[in-house]
């Protein structure tokens, strides 16, 4: 299975890059992981709601341009469906069993996702009611995908 993490912005801090790299290496025995970054927009302090929406829309256009036809798209959103780690593993496993060969997880920028991206998504997933920096969310997502594959494979994982 191919899993793409499609995200707005680059990881600036080396410790986040190293963590994502470590999980990518671990995941290589279970799936083909691809991380695709699109440029983020600079958001001025005290931007109006209209300007923030324009920024989200420009980022959305970049995200949508990178989505492959036929991919099953999950957006990461606070309002999304929550899973236990075991439940998330079932989602990934079921996708493979039902013939999905490409899953895409979309992480928005600092202002979140535009409605255009939400409409393209087949499912919104939430990891918490809390807001996380999108760079940290990449690490969390990679870890949970790795954990899911360990669960699917019947391998031990830390509870």
N, C-alpha and C. Protein backbone atom coordinates (compact mmCIF):
# COMPACT_ATOMS: atom_id res chain seq x y z
N UNK A 1 0.84 -1.18 0.00
CA UNK A 1 0.00 0.00 0.00
C UNK A 1 0.88 1.23 0.00
N UNK A 2 0.40 2.27 -0.66
CA UNK A 2 1.09 3.55 -0.66
C UNK A 2 0.34 4.49 0.28
N UNK A 3 1.08 5.15 1.15
CA UNK A 3 0.50 6.14 2.04
C UNK A 3 1.23 7.45 1.80
N UNK A 4 0.44 8.48 1.52
CA UNK A 4 1.00 9.81 1.30
C UNK A 4 0.54 10.72 2.43
N UNK A 5 1.48 11.44 2.98
CA UNK A 5 1.15 12.51 3.91
C UNK A 5 1.35 13.79 3.12
N UNK A 6 0.24 14.46 2.86
CA UNK A 6 0.23 15.69 2.07
C UNK A 6 0.04 16.85 3.03
N UNK A 7 1.00 17.75 3.07
CA UNK A 7 0.96 18.78 4.11
C UNK A 7 1.39 20.14 3.60
N UNK A 8 0.92 21.13 4.32
CA UNK A 8 1.27 22.51 4.01
C UNK A 8 2.51 22.89 4.82
N UNK A 9 3.50 23.40 4.14
CA UNK A 9 4.69 23.90 4.81
C UNK A 9 5.78 22.85 4.95
N UNK A 10 6.96 23.35 5.23
CA UNK A 10 8.13 22.49 5.43
C UNK A 10 8.40 22.38 6.93
N UNK A 11 9.09 21.31 7.29
CA UNK A 11 9.53 21.16 8.67
C UNK A 11 10.83 21.94 8.83
N UNK A 12 10.82 22.88 9.74
CA UNK A 12 12.00 23.73 9.94
C UNK A 12 12.95 23.15 11.00
N UNK A 13 12.39 22.58 12.06
CA UNK A 13 13.21 22.08 13.16
C UNK A 13 13.78 20.71 12.83
N UNK A 14 15.07 20.54 13.07
CA UNK A 14 15.72 19.28 12.72
C UNK A 14 15.19 18.11 13.54
N UNK A 15 14.80 18.33 14.79
CA UNK A 15 14.31 17.21 15.60
C UNK A 15 13.00 16.65 15.07
N UNK A 16 12.14 17.49 14.48
CA UNK A 16 10.92 16.97 13.84
C UNK A 16 11.28 16.18 12.58
N UNK A 17 12.22 16.72 11.78
CA UNK A 17 12.65 16.03 10.56
C UNK A 17 13.23 14.67 10.89
N UNK A 18 14.05 14.62 11.94
CA UNK A 18 14.66 13.35 12.34
C UNK A 18 13.61 12.35 12.79
N UNK A 19 12.61 12.81 13.54
CA UNK A 19 11.55 11.91 14.01
C UNK A 19 10.74 11.36 12.84
N UNK A 20 10.37 12.23 11.91
CA UNK A 20 9.63 11.77 10.72
C UNK A 20 10.49 10.81 9.92
N UNK A 21 11.76 11.11 9.77
CA UNK A 21 12.67 10.23 9.05
C UNK A 21 12.79 8.86 9.69
N UNK A 22 12.84 8.83 11.00
CA UNK A 22 12.91 7.55 11.72
C UNK A 22 11.66 6.72 11.48
N UNK A 23 10.49 7.34 11.58
CA UNK A 23 9.25 6.59 11.34
C UNK A 23 9.13 6.18 9.87
N UNK A 24 9.58 7.02 8.96
CA UNK A 24 9.55 6.65 7.55
C UNK A 24 10.41 5.41 7.31
N UNK A 25 11.57 5.37 7.94
CA UNK A 25 12.46 4.21 7.82
C UNK A 25 11.76 2.96 8.37
N UNK A 26 11.16 3.08 9.55
CA UNK A 26 10.47 1.93 10.15
C UNK A 26 9.29 1.47 9.31
N UNK A 27 8.59 2.42 8.71
CA UNK A 27 7.41 2.08 7.91
C UNK A 27 7.76 1.43 6.58
N UNK A 28 8.98 1.56 6.14
CA UNK A 28 9.37 1.05 4.82
C UNK A 28 9.16 -0.46 4.69
N UNK A 29 9.11 -1.18 5.79
CA UNK A 29 8.87 -2.62 5.70
C UNK A 29 7.38 -2.96 5.59
N UNK A 30 6.51 -1.96 5.80
CA UNK A 30 5.07 -2.20 5.77
C UNK A 30 4.36 -1.56 4.58
N UNK A 31 4.84 -0.40 4.16
CA UNK A 31 4.15 0.35 3.10
C UNK A 31 5.15 1.27 2.41
N UNK A 32 4.69 1.89 1.34
CA UNK A 32 5.48 2.94 0.69
C UNK A 32 4.97 4.27 1.22
N UNK A 33 5.78 4.95 2.00
CA UNK A 33 5.40 6.24 2.56
C UNK A 33 5.99 7.35 1.73
N UNK A 34 5.15 8.31 1.40
CA UNK A 34 5.59 9.48 0.65
C UNK A 34 5.11 10.71 1.43
N UNK A 35 5.99 11.66 1.59
CA UNK A 35 5.61 12.92 2.23
C UNK A 35 5.73 14.02 1.19
N UNK A 36 4.61 14.68 0.95
CA UNK A 36 4.55 15.74 -0.06
C UNK A 36 4.24 17.05 0.66
N UNK A 37 5.09 18.02 0.46
CA UNK A 37 4.91 19.33 1.06
C UNK A 37 4.54 20.34 -0.01
N UNK A 38 3.55 21.17 0.30
CA UNK A 38 3.22 22.29 -0.58
C UNK A 38 3.55 23.58 0.18
N UNK A 39 3.81 24.62 -0.55
CA UNK A 39 4.19 25.89 0.07
C UNK A 39 3.07 26.45 0.93
N UNK A 40 3.47 27.01 2.06
CA UNK A 40 2.49 27.69 2.90
C UNK A 40 2.50 29.18 2.58
N UNK A 41 1.46 29.85 2.97
CA UNK A 41 1.33 31.29 2.76
C UNK A 41 1.71 32.01 4.04
N UNK A 42 2.36 33.11 3.91
CA UNK A 42 2.67 33.94 5.08
C UNK A 42 1.37 34.60 5.53
N UNK A 43 1.10 34.48 6.83
CA UNK A 43 -0.11 35.10 7.39
C UNK A 43 0.29 36.29 8.24
N UNK A 44 -0.14 37.48 7.83
CA UNK A 44 0.22 38.66 8.63
C UNK A 44 -0.49 38.63 9.98
N UNK A 45 0.13 39.25 10.97
CA UNK A 45 -0.53 39.39 12.27
C UNK A 45 -1.82 40.17 12.09
N UNK A 46 -2.82 39.78 12.84
CA UNK A 46 -4.13 40.45 12.82
C UNK A 46 -4.76 40.45 11.43
N UNK A 47 -4.58 39.35 10.70
CA UNK A 47 -5.20 39.23 9.37
C UNK A 47 -6.72 39.16 9.54
N UNK A 48 -7.43 39.74 8.60
CA UNK A 48 -8.89 39.70 8.64
C UNK A 48 -9.37 38.29 8.33
N UNK A 49 -10.61 38.00 8.66
CA UNK A 49 -11.19 36.69 8.37
C UNK A 49 -11.18 36.44 6.86
N UNK A 50 -11.44 37.48 6.08
CA UNK A 50 -11.45 37.34 4.62
C UNK A 50 -10.06 36.99 4.10
N UNK A 51 -9.04 37.65 4.63
CA UNK A 51 -7.67 37.35 4.20
C UNK A 51 -7.27 35.94 4.62
N UNK A 52 -7.64 35.53 5.83
CA UNK A 52 -7.34 34.17 6.27
C UNK A 52 -8.01 33.14 5.35
N UNK A 53 -9.22 33.41 4.92
CA UNK A 53 -9.90 32.49 4.00
C UNK A 53 -9.18 32.44 2.65
N UNK A 54 -8.71 33.59 2.17
CA UNK A 54 -7.95 33.62 0.91
C UNK A 54 -6.67 32.81 1.03
N UNK A 55 -6.01 32.91 2.17
CA UNK A 55 -4.78 32.16 2.41
C UNK A 55 -5.07 30.66 2.40
N UNK A 56 -6.13 30.25 3.14
CA UNK A 56 -6.51 28.83 3.16
C UNK A 56 -6.86 28.34 1.76
N UNK A 57 -7.51 29.19 0.97
CA UNK A 57 -7.90 28.79 -0.39
C UNK A 57 -6.67 28.61 -1.29
N UNK A 58 -5.69 29.50 -1.19
CA UNK A 58 -4.47 29.35 -2.00
C UNK A 58 -3.75 28.05 -1.61
N UNK A 59 -3.67 27.77 -0.30
CA UNK A 59 -3.04 26.52 0.14
C UNK A 59 -3.86 25.32 -0.33
N UNK A 60 -5.18 25.44 -0.31
CA UNK A 60 -6.06 24.36 -0.76
C UNK A 60 -5.81 24.04 -2.23
N UNK A 61 -5.66 25.06 -3.05
CA UNK A 61 -5.41 24.84 -4.48
C UNK A 61 -4.12 24.04 -4.68
N UNK A 62 -3.11 24.34 -3.89
CA UNK A 62 -1.84 23.59 -3.98
C UNK A 62 -2.02 22.15 -3.53
N UNK A 63 -2.77 21.96 -2.45
CA UNK A 63 -3.02 20.60 -1.95
C UNK A 63 -3.80 19.79 -2.98
N UNK A 64 -4.88 20.36 -3.48
CA UNK A 64 -5.73 19.64 -4.44
C UNK A 64 -4.99 19.28 -5.71
N UNK A 65 -4.06 20.14 -6.12
CA UNK A 65 -3.27 19.86 -7.33
C UNK A 65 -2.37 18.64 -7.14
N UNK A 66 -2.06 18.29 -5.90
CA UNK A 66 -1.16 17.16 -5.64
C UNK A 66 -1.89 15.87 -5.30
N UNK A 67 -3.22 15.91 -5.23
CA UNK A 67 -3.98 14.69 -4.94
C UNK A 67 -4.11 13.85 -6.20
N UNK A 68 -3.78 12.58 -6.07
CA UNK A 68 -3.88 11.68 -7.20
C UNK A 68 -5.30 11.14 -7.32
N UNK A 69 -5.73 10.96 -8.54
CA UNK A 69 -7.05 10.38 -8.82
C UNK A 69 -7.11 8.98 -8.23
N UNK A 70 -8.21 8.66 -7.58
CA UNK A 70 -8.40 7.32 -7.03
C UNK A 70 -7.87 7.14 -5.63
N UNK A 71 -7.15 8.12 -5.11
CA UNK A 71 -6.64 8.00 -3.74
C UNK A 71 -7.79 8.20 -2.75
N UNK A 72 -7.72 7.50 -1.63
CA UNK A 72 -8.69 7.68 -0.56
C UNK A 72 -8.11 8.73 0.37
N UNK A 73 -8.85 9.82 0.55
CA UNK A 73 -8.32 11.00 1.24
C UNK A 73 -8.92 11.15 2.64
N UNK A 74 -8.02 11.27 3.61
CA UNK A 74 -8.38 11.59 4.99
C UNK A 74 -7.84 12.98 5.29
N UNK A 75 -8.67 13.84 5.87
CA UNK A 75 -8.17 15.12 6.35
C UNK A 75 -8.03 15.04 7.86
N UNK A 76 -7.01 15.69 8.39
CA UNK A 76 -6.83 15.75 9.83
C UNK A 76 -7.47 17.04 10.32
N UNK A 77 -8.54 16.87 11.11
CA UNK A 77 -9.33 18.00 11.58
C UNK A 77 -9.77 17.76 13.02
N UNK A 78 -9.85 18.81 13.79
CA UNK A 78 -10.31 18.68 15.17
C UNK A 78 -11.71 18.08 15.21
N UNK A 79 -12.56 18.41 14.23
CA UNK A 79 -13.94 17.93 14.22
C UNK A 79 -14.08 16.52 13.65
N UNK A 80 -12.99 15.89 13.29
CA UNK A 80 -13.03 14.58 12.65
C UNK A 80 -13.36 13.45 13.62
N UNK A 81 -13.44 12.26 13.06
CA UNK A 81 -13.74 11.06 13.84
C UNK A 81 -12.50 10.64 14.62
N UNK A 82 -12.72 10.23 15.84
CA UNK A 82 -11.62 9.79 16.70
C UNK A 82 -11.56 8.27 16.74
N UNK A 83 -10.35 7.77 16.85
CA UNK A 83 -10.12 6.34 16.93
C UNK A 83 -9.16 6.04 18.06
N UNK A 84 -9.27 4.84 18.59
CA UNK A 84 -8.19 4.30 19.41
C UNK A 84 -7.09 3.87 18.43
N UNK A 85 -5.94 3.53 18.93
CA UNK A 85 -4.88 3.04 18.05
C UNK A 85 -5.33 1.76 17.35
N UNK A 86 -6.02 0.90 18.07
CA UNK A 86 -6.52 -0.34 17.47
C UNK A 86 -7.56 -0.04 16.39
N UNK A 87 -8.43 0.91 16.67
CA UNK A 87 -9.44 1.31 15.68
C UNK A 87 -8.83 1.91 14.44
N UNK A 88 -7.79 2.72 14.62
CA UNK A 88 -7.09 3.32 13.48
C UNK A 88 -6.41 2.23 12.65
N UNK A 89 -5.86 1.23 13.33
CA UNK A 89 -5.25 0.10 12.61
C UNK A 89 -6.31 -0.62 11.78
N UNK A 90 -7.50 -0.78 12.31
CA UNK A 90 -8.58 -1.43 11.56
C UNK A 90 -8.95 -0.62 10.32
N UNK A 91 -8.96 0.69 10.44
CA UNK A 91 -9.26 1.56 9.30
C UNK A 91 -8.25 1.32 8.18
N UNK A 92 -6.97 1.32 8.53
CA UNK A 92 -5.92 1.13 7.52
C UNK A 92 -6.00 -0.28 6.94
N UNK A 93 -6.20 -1.26 7.79
CA UNK A 93 -6.29 -2.64 7.33
C UNK A 93 -7.50 -2.83 6.41
N UNK A 94 -8.65 -2.30 6.80
CA UNK A 94 -9.87 -2.42 5.99
C UNK A 94 -9.70 -1.75 4.63
N UNK A 95 -9.00 -0.62 4.62
CA UNK A 95 -8.76 0.06 3.34
C UNK A 95 -8.02 -0.86 2.39
N UNK A 96 -6.99 -1.53 2.90
CA UNK A 96 -6.23 -2.46 2.08
C UNK A 96 -7.06 -3.65 1.64
N UNK A 97 -7.84 -4.20 2.56
CA UNK A 97 -8.68 -5.36 2.24
C UNK A 97 -9.77 -5.02 1.23
N UNK A 98 -10.22 -3.76 1.23
CA UNK A 98 -11.28 -3.36 0.29
C UNK A 98 -10.72 -2.89 -1.06
N UNK A 99 -9.41 -3.01 -1.24
CA UNK A 99 -8.83 -2.70 -2.54
C UNK A 99 -8.23 -1.31 -2.66
N UNK A 100 -8.27 -0.54 -1.60
CA UNK A 100 -7.63 0.77 -1.67
C UNK A 100 -6.12 0.58 -1.65
N UNK A 101 -5.46 1.08 -2.66
CA UNK A 101 -4.01 0.91 -2.72
C UNK A 101 -3.25 2.20 -2.38
N UNK A 102 -4.00 3.31 -2.22
CA UNK A 102 -3.36 4.59 -1.94
C UNK A 102 -4.21 5.39 -0.96
N UNK A 103 -3.64 5.64 0.22
CA UNK A 103 -4.28 6.48 1.23
C UNK A 103 -3.50 7.77 1.33
N UNK A 104 -4.24 8.88 1.42
CA UNK A 104 -3.62 10.19 1.57
C UNK A 104 -4.16 10.84 2.83
N UNK A 105 -3.25 11.28 3.70
CA UNK A 105 -3.61 12.01 4.91
C UNK A 105 -3.18 13.45 4.70
N UNK A 106 -4.13 14.38 4.81
CA UNK A 106 -3.86 15.79 4.53
C UNK A 106 -3.79 16.57 5.84
N UNK A 107 -2.69 17.28 6.02
CA UNK A 107 -2.48 18.15 7.18
C UNK A 107 -2.42 19.59 6.68
N UNK A 108 -3.30 20.42 7.18
CA UNK A 108 -3.35 21.81 6.76
C UNK A 108 -2.26 22.65 7.39
N UNK A 109 -2.26 23.91 7.02
CA UNK A 109 -1.30 24.85 7.57
C UNK A 109 -1.77 25.44 8.88
N UNK A 110 -1.18 26.54 9.27
CA UNK A 110 -1.47 27.13 10.57
C UNK A 110 -2.91 27.62 10.70
N UNK A 111 -3.57 27.88 9.58
CA UNK A 111 -4.96 28.34 9.63
C UNK A 111 -5.96 27.20 9.40
N UNK A 112 -5.45 26.00 9.21
CA UNK A 112 -6.35 24.87 8.97
C UNK A 112 -6.61 24.66 7.49
N UNK A 113 -7.66 23.90 7.20
CA UNK A 113 -7.98 23.52 5.83
C UNK A 113 -9.17 24.31 5.28
N UNK A 114 -9.11 24.60 4.01
CA UNK A 114 -10.22 25.26 3.32
C UNK A 114 -11.31 24.24 3.03
N UNK A 115 -12.51 24.71 2.90
CA UNK A 115 -13.66 23.84 2.63
C UNK A 115 -13.47 23.00 1.36
N UNK A 116 -12.76 23.53 0.37
CA UNK A 116 -12.50 22.77 -0.87
C UNK A 116 -11.81 21.44 -0.57
N UNK A 117 -10.86 21.46 0.35
CA UNK A 117 -10.13 20.25 0.70
C UNK A 117 -11.02 19.32 1.51
N UNK A 118 -11.79 19.89 2.41
CA UNK A 118 -12.71 19.07 3.21
C UNK A 118 -13.71 18.33 2.32
N UNK A 119 -14.17 18.99 1.28
CA UNK A 119 -15.15 18.37 0.36
C UNK A 119 -14.52 17.22 -0.43
N UNK A 120 -13.23 17.29 -0.70
CA UNK A 120 -12.54 16.23 -1.45
C UNK A 120 -12.24 15.02 -0.58
N UNK A 121 -12.24 15.22 0.72
CA UNK A 121 -11.91 14.17 1.66
C UNK A 121 -13.06 13.16 1.80
N UNK A 122 -12.69 11.88 1.93
CA UNK A 122 -13.69 10.87 2.21
C UNK A 122 -13.95 10.76 3.71
N UNK A 123 -12.97 11.15 4.52
CA UNK A 123 -13.17 11.08 5.96
C UNK A 123 -12.25 12.06 6.68
N UNK A 124 -12.81 12.72 7.69
CA UNK A 124 -12.02 13.58 8.57
C UNK A 124 -11.65 12.77 9.81
N UNK A 125 -10.40 12.87 10.21
CA UNK A 125 -9.89 12.15 11.37
C UNK A 125 -9.37 13.17 12.37
N UNK A 126 -9.65 12.93 13.66
CA UNK A 126 -9.15 13.81 14.71
C UNK A 126 -8.29 13.01 15.67
N UNK A 127 -7.19 13.59 16.08
CA UNK A 127 -6.34 12.97 17.06
C UNK A 127 -6.56 13.58 18.45
N UNK A 128 -7.25 14.73 18.52
CA UNK A 128 -7.46 15.38 19.80
C UNK A 128 -8.32 16.63 19.60
N UNK A 129 -8.87 17.14 20.69
CA UNK A 129 -9.53 18.44 20.66
C UNK A 129 -8.50 19.56 20.68
N UNK A 130 -7.29 19.20 21.01
CA UNK A 130 -6.22 20.20 21.08
C UNK A 130 -5.70 20.53 19.69
N UNK A 131 -5.14 21.71 19.56
CA UNK A 131 -4.49 22.12 18.32
C UNK A 131 -3.00 21.85 18.46
N UNK A 132 -2.42 21.20 17.44
CA UNK A 132 -0.99 20.92 17.44
C UNK A 132 -0.34 21.67 16.29
N UNK A 133 0.92 22.05 16.44
CA UNK A 133 1.63 22.61 15.29
C UNK A 133 1.65 21.57 14.16
N UNK A 134 1.47 22.01 12.92
CA UNK A 134 1.38 21.05 11.83
C UNK A 134 2.66 20.22 11.70
N UNK A 135 3.79 20.76 12.12
CA UNK A 135 5.04 19.99 12.06
C UNK A 135 5.01 18.84 13.06
N UNK A 136 4.53 19.09 14.25
CA UNK A 136 4.40 18.03 15.26
C UNK A 136 3.33 17.02 14.85
N UNK A 137 2.28 17.49 14.21
CA UNK A 137 1.21 16.59 13.79
C UNK A 137 1.74 15.56 12.79
N UNK A 138 2.70 15.95 12.00
CA UNK A 138 3.32 15.01 11.06
C UNK A 138 4.00 13.86 11.80
N UNK A 139 4.69 14.19 12.87
CA UNK A 139 5.36 13.17 13.68
C UNK A 139 4.31 12.26 14.32
N UNK A 140 3.29 12.85 14.90
CA UNK A 140 2.23 12.07 15.55
C UNK A 140 1.56 11.14 14.55
N UNK A 141 1.25 11.65 13.37
CA UNK A 141 0.60 10.82 12.34
C UNK A 141 1.51 9.67 11.92
N UNK A 142 2.77 9.95 11.68
CA UNK A 142 3.71 8.89 11.29
C UNK A 142 3.79 7.82 12.37
N UNK A 143 3.85 8.24 13.63
CA UNK A 143 3.92 7.27 14.72
C UNK A 143 2.66 6.41 14.76
N UNK A 144 1.50 7.01 14.57
CA UNK A 144 0.25 6.25 14.63
C UNK A 144 0.10 5.31 13.43
N UNK A 145 0.58 5.70 12.28
CA UNK A 145 0.56 4.80 11.13
C UNK A 145 1.50 3.61 11.40
N UNK A 146 2.67 3.89 11.95
CA UNK A 146 3.61 2.82 12.30
C UNK A 146 2.98 1.89 13.34
N UNK A 147 2.39 2.45 14.36
CA UNK A 147 1.73 1.66 15.39
C UNK A 147 0.62 0.81 14.77
N UNK A 148 -0.13 1.40 13.86
CA UNK A 148 -1.21 0.66 13.19
C UNK A 148 -0.66 -0.57 12.48
N UNK A 149 0.42 -0.42 11.76
CA UNK A 149 1.00 -1.56 11.05
C UNK A 149 1.55 -2.61 12.01
N UNK A 150 2.07 -2.18 13.14
CA UNK A 150 2.53 -3.15 14.15
C UNK A 150 1.32 -3.95 14.68
N UNK A 151 0.23 -3.26 14.91
CA UNK A 151 -0.99 -3.93 15.39
C UNK A 151 -1.52 -4.89 14.33
N UNK A 152 -1.61 -4.43 13.09
CA UNK A 152 -2.09 -5.26 11.98
C UNK A 152 -1.25 -6.53 11.84
N UNK A 153 0.05 -6.38 12.03
CA UNK A 153 0.98 -7.50 11.87
C UNK A 153 1.06 -8.39 13.10
N UNK A 154 0.33 -8.04 14.15
CA UNK A 154 0.37 -8.84 15.37
C UNK A 154 1.67 -8.71 16.13
N UNK A 155 2.39 -7.65 15.89
CA UNK A 155 3.66 -7.40 16.55
C UNK A 155 3.45 -6.59 17.82
N UNK A 156 4.33 -6.72 18.78
CA UNK A 156 4.16 -5.96 20.02
C UNK A 156 4.33 -4.46 19.79
N UNK A 157 3.60 -3.71 20.57
CA UNK A 157 3.75 -2.26 20.54
C UNK A 157 3.49 -1.76 21.97
N UNK A 158 3.99 -0.60 22.26
CA UNK A 158 3.83 -0.06 23.61
C UNK A 158 2.41 0.41 23.82
N UNK A 159 1.81 -0.03 24.91
CA UNK A 159 0.43 0.39 25.22
C UNK A 159 0.44 1.50 26.24
